[in-house]
Amino acid sequence: MPGYRAYRLRIGEAERSAFSRPPEFDDTHAWYLKTQDVMNRLWVAERLIRIQFPLPVHDAARAYFLDLNRTVWEGLPDGESVRDYLEDNRLTFLDAARAAMG
């Protein structure tokens, strides 16, 4: 499904942004400018999931989007792993999508 594929591609971009988040940035920083575009595209892809999949899949996609959004823009407390923070909702989304796609 195109919406799922677009969402997965955008997730990968957003995850890379989360992992490469600089400790400090402003709205002219190259990372910020690229990441703003990435997150906007992810938001659109997340909305497509709502149209194309049952609501539980969208709910899982939305929860994962919100985790990614927080991680990208606010960061995590020192010592907290990006991968560990994202993993639960990431797996929930993947499992819901797999179940819906049969």
C-alpha atoms as a PDB file:
ATOM      1  CA  MET A   1       0.000   0.000   0.000  1.00  0.00           C
ATOM      2  CA  PRO A   2       1.372   3.417  -0.949  1.00  0.00           C
ATOM      3  CA  GLY A   3       0.465   5.075   2.377  1.00  0.00           C
ATOM      4  CA  TYR A   4       2.246   2.397   4.391  1.00  0.00           C
ATOM      5  CA  ARG A   5       5.329   2.548   2.188  1.00  0.00           C
ATOM      6  CA  ALA A   6       5.445   6.357   2.378  1.00  0.00           C
ATOM      7  CA  TYR A   7       5.047   6.225   6.146  1.00  0.00           C
ATOM      8  CA  ARG A   8       7.853   3.679   6.536  1.00  0.00           C
ATOM      9  CA  LEU A   9      10.174   5.781   4.353  1.00  0.00           C
ATOM     10  CA  ARG A  10       9.372   8.931   6.338  1.00  0.00           C
ATOM     11  CA  ILE A  11       9.850   7.086   9.615  1.00  0.00           C
ATOM     12  CA  GLY A  12      13.360   6.141   8.527  1.00  0.00           C
ATOM     13  CA  GLU A  13      14.159   9.774   7.747  1.00  0.00           C
ATOM     14  CA  ALA A  14      12.706  10.947  11.061  1.00  0.00           C
ATOM     15  CA  GLU A  15      14.612   8.282  12.984  1.00  0.00           C
ATOM     16  CA  ARG A  16      17.854   9.429  11.360  1.00  0.00           C
ATOM     17  CA  SER A  17      17.006  12.987  12.416  1.00  0.00           C
ATOM     18  CA  ALA A  18      16.382  11.824  15.992  1.00  0.00           C
ATOM     19  CA  PHE A  19      19.696   9.976  16.120  1.00  0.00           C
ATOM     20  CA  SER A  20      21.625  12.909  14.625  1.00  0.00           C
ATOM     21  CA  ARG A  21      19.962  15.626  16.748  1.00  0.00           C
ATOM     22  CA  PRO A  22      22.567  18.197  17.731  1.00  0.00           C
ATOM     23  CA  PRO A  23      22.695  19.294  21.368  1.00  0.00           C
ATOM     24  CA  GLU A  24      21.906  22.868  20.341  1.00  0.00           C
ATOM     25  CA  PHE A  25      20.293  24.312  17.217  1.00  0.00           C
ATOM     26  CA  ASP A  26      18.162  27.200  16.054  1.00  0.00           C
ATOM     27  CA  ASP A  27      15.780  27.714  13.146  1.00  0.00           C
ATOM     28  CA  THR A  28      18.654  28.512  10.760  1.00  0.00           C
ATOM     29  CA  HIS A  29      20.683  25.384  11.548  1.00  0.00           C
ATOM     30  CA  ALA A  30      21.007  22.970   8.595  1.00  0.00           C
ATOM     31  CA  TRP A  31      19.787  20.042  10.736  1.00  0.00           C
ATOM     32  CA  TYR A  32      16.676  21.996  11.741  1.00  0.00           C
ATOM     33  CA  LEU A  33      15.831  23.003   8.171  1.00  0.00           C
ATOM     34  CA  LYS A  34      16.173  19.447   6.863  1.00  0.00           C
ATOM     35  CA  THR A  35      14.354  17.945   9.837  1.00  0.00           C
ATOM     36  CA  GLN A  36      11.441  20.371   9.596  1.00  0.00           C
ATOM     37  CA  ASP A  37      10.821  19.125   6.051  1.00  0.00           C
ATOM     38  CA  VAL A  38      11.209  15.483   7.123  1.00  0.00           C
ATOM     39  CA  MET A  39       8.727  15.846   9.973  1.00  0.00           C
ATOM     40  CA  ASN A  40       6.193  17.644   7.773  1.00  0.00           C
ATOM     41  CA  ARG A  41       6.334  14.805   5.242  1.00  0.00           C
ATOM     42  CA  LEU A  42       5.977  12.251   8.042  1.00  0.00           C
ATOM     43  CA  TRP A  43       2.899  14.076   9.340  1.00  0.00           C
ATOM     44  CA  VAL A  44       1.278  13.867   5.881  1.00  0.00           C
ATOM     45  CA  ALA A  45       2.159  10.174   5.559  1.00  0.00           C
ATOM     46  CA  GLU A  46       0.695   9.507   9.013  1.00  0.00           C
ATOM     47  CA  ARG A  47      -2.584  11.077   7.862  1.00  0.00           C
ATOM     48  CA  LEU A  48      -2.627   8.782   4.804  1.00  0.00           C
ATOM     49  CA  ILE A  49      -2.438   5.807   7.161  1.00  0.00           C
ATOM     50  CA  ARG A  50      -5.724   7.002   8.703  1.00  0.00           C
ATOM     51  CA  ILE A  51      -7.393   6.950   5.286  1.00  0.00           C
ATOM     52  CA  GLN A  52      -6.014   3.617   4.108  1.00  0.00           C
ATOM     53  CA  PHE A  53      -5.973   1.435   7.224  1.00  0.00           C
ATOM     54  CA  PRO A  54      -8.281   0.476  10.082  1.00  0.00           C
ATOM     55  CA  LEU A  55      -8.253   2.868  13.034  1.00  0.00           C
ATOM     56  CA  PRO A  56      -6.027   0.668  15.261  1.00  0.00           C
ATOM     57  CA  VAL A  57      -3.238   0.937  12.669  1.00  0.00           C
ATOM     58  CA  HIS A  58      -3.585   4.708  12.555  1.00  0.00           C
ATOM     59  CA  ASP A  59      -3.652   4.911  16.353  1.00  0.00           C
ATOM     60  CA  ALA A  60      -0.386   2.974  16.500  1.00  0.00           C
ATOM     61  CA  ALA A  61       1.133   5.112  13.726  1.00  0.00           C
ATOM     62  CA  ARG A  62       0.048   8.272  15.562  1.00  0.00           C
ATOM     63  CA  ALA A  63       1.588   7.136  18.851  1.00  0.00           C
ATOM     64  CA  TYR A  64       4.854   6.389  17.076  1.00  0.00           C
ATOM     65  CA  PHE A  65       4.758   9.743  15.270  1.00  0.00           C
ATOM     66  CA  LEU A  66       4.265  11.552  18.589  1.00  0.00           C
ATOM     67  CA  ASP A  67       7.233   9.678  20.116  1.00  0.00           C
ATOM     68  CA  LEU A  68       9.406  10.565  17.143  1.00  0.00           C
ATOM     69  CA  ASN A  69       8.246  14.169  17.158  1.00  0.00           C
ATOM     70  CA  ARG A  70       9.085  14.535  20.853  1.00  0.00           C
ATOM     71  CA  THR A  71      12.474  12.896  20.420  1.00  0.00           C
ATOM     72  CA  VAL A  72      13.373  15.025  17.407  1.00  0.00           C
ATOM     73  CA  TRP A  73      12.335  18.420  18.772  1.00  0.00           C
ATOM     74  CA  GLU A  74      12.729  18.049  22.534  1.00  0.00           C
ATOM     75  CA  GLY A  75      15.389  15.372  22.793  1.00  0.00           C
ATOM     76  CA  LEU A  76      15.576  12.863  25.605  1.00  0.00           C
ATOM     77  CA  PRO A  77      17.026  13.080  29.104  1.00  0.00           C
ATOM     78  CA  ASP A  78      20.741  12.340  29.318  1.00  0.00           C
ATOM     79  CA  GLY A  79      21.406   8.646  29.295  1.00  0.00           C
ATOM     80  CA  GLU A  80      18.083   7.681  27.719  1.00  0.00           C
ATOM     81  CA  SER A  81      18.454   5.749  24.472  1.00  0.00           C
ATOM     82  CA  VAL A  82      16.579   6.978  21.385  1.00  0.00           C
ATOM     83  CA  ARG A  83      16.212   3.403  20.194  1.00  0.00           C
ATOM     84  CA  ASP A  84      14.840   2.190  23.527  1.00  0.00           C
ATOM     85  CA  TYR A  85      12.428   5.114  23.818  1.00  0.00           C
ATOM     86  CA  LEU A  86      10.993   4.528  20.334  1.00  0.00           C
ATOM     87  CA  GLU A  87      10.951   0.741  20.290  1.00  0.00           C
ATOM     88  CA  ASP A  88       7.622  -0.067  22.000  1.00  0.00           C
ATOM     89  CA  ASN A  89       5.407   2.126  19.815  1.00  0.00           C
ATOM     90  CA  ARG A  90       7.463   1.249  16.744  1.00  0.00           C
ATOM     91  CA  LEU A  91       6.785  -2.455  17.241  1.00  0.00           C
ATOM     92  CA  THR A  92       3.120  -1.811  18.069  1.00  0.00           C
ATOM     93  CA  PHE A  93       2.729   0.033  14.756  1.00  0.00           C
ATOM     94  CA  LEU A  94       4.526  -2.652  12.753  1.00  0.00           C
ATOM     95  CA  ASP A  95       2.472  -5.413  14.370  1.00  0.00           C
ATOM     96  CA  ALA A  96      -0.822  -3.554  13.735  1.00  0.00           C
ATOM     97  CA  ALA A  97       0.087  -2.883  10.097  1.00  0.00           C
ATOM     98  CA  ARG A  98       1.151  -6.506   9.565  1.00  0.00           C
ATOM     99  CA  ALA A  99      -2.120  -7.766  11.039  1.00  0.00           C
ATOM    100  CA  ALA A 100      -4.181  -5.391   8.858  1.00  0.00           C
ATOM    101  CA  MET A 101      -2.316  -6.382   5.706  1.00  0.00           C
ATOM    102  CA  GLY A 102      -2.908 -10.054   6.406  1.00  0.00           C
END
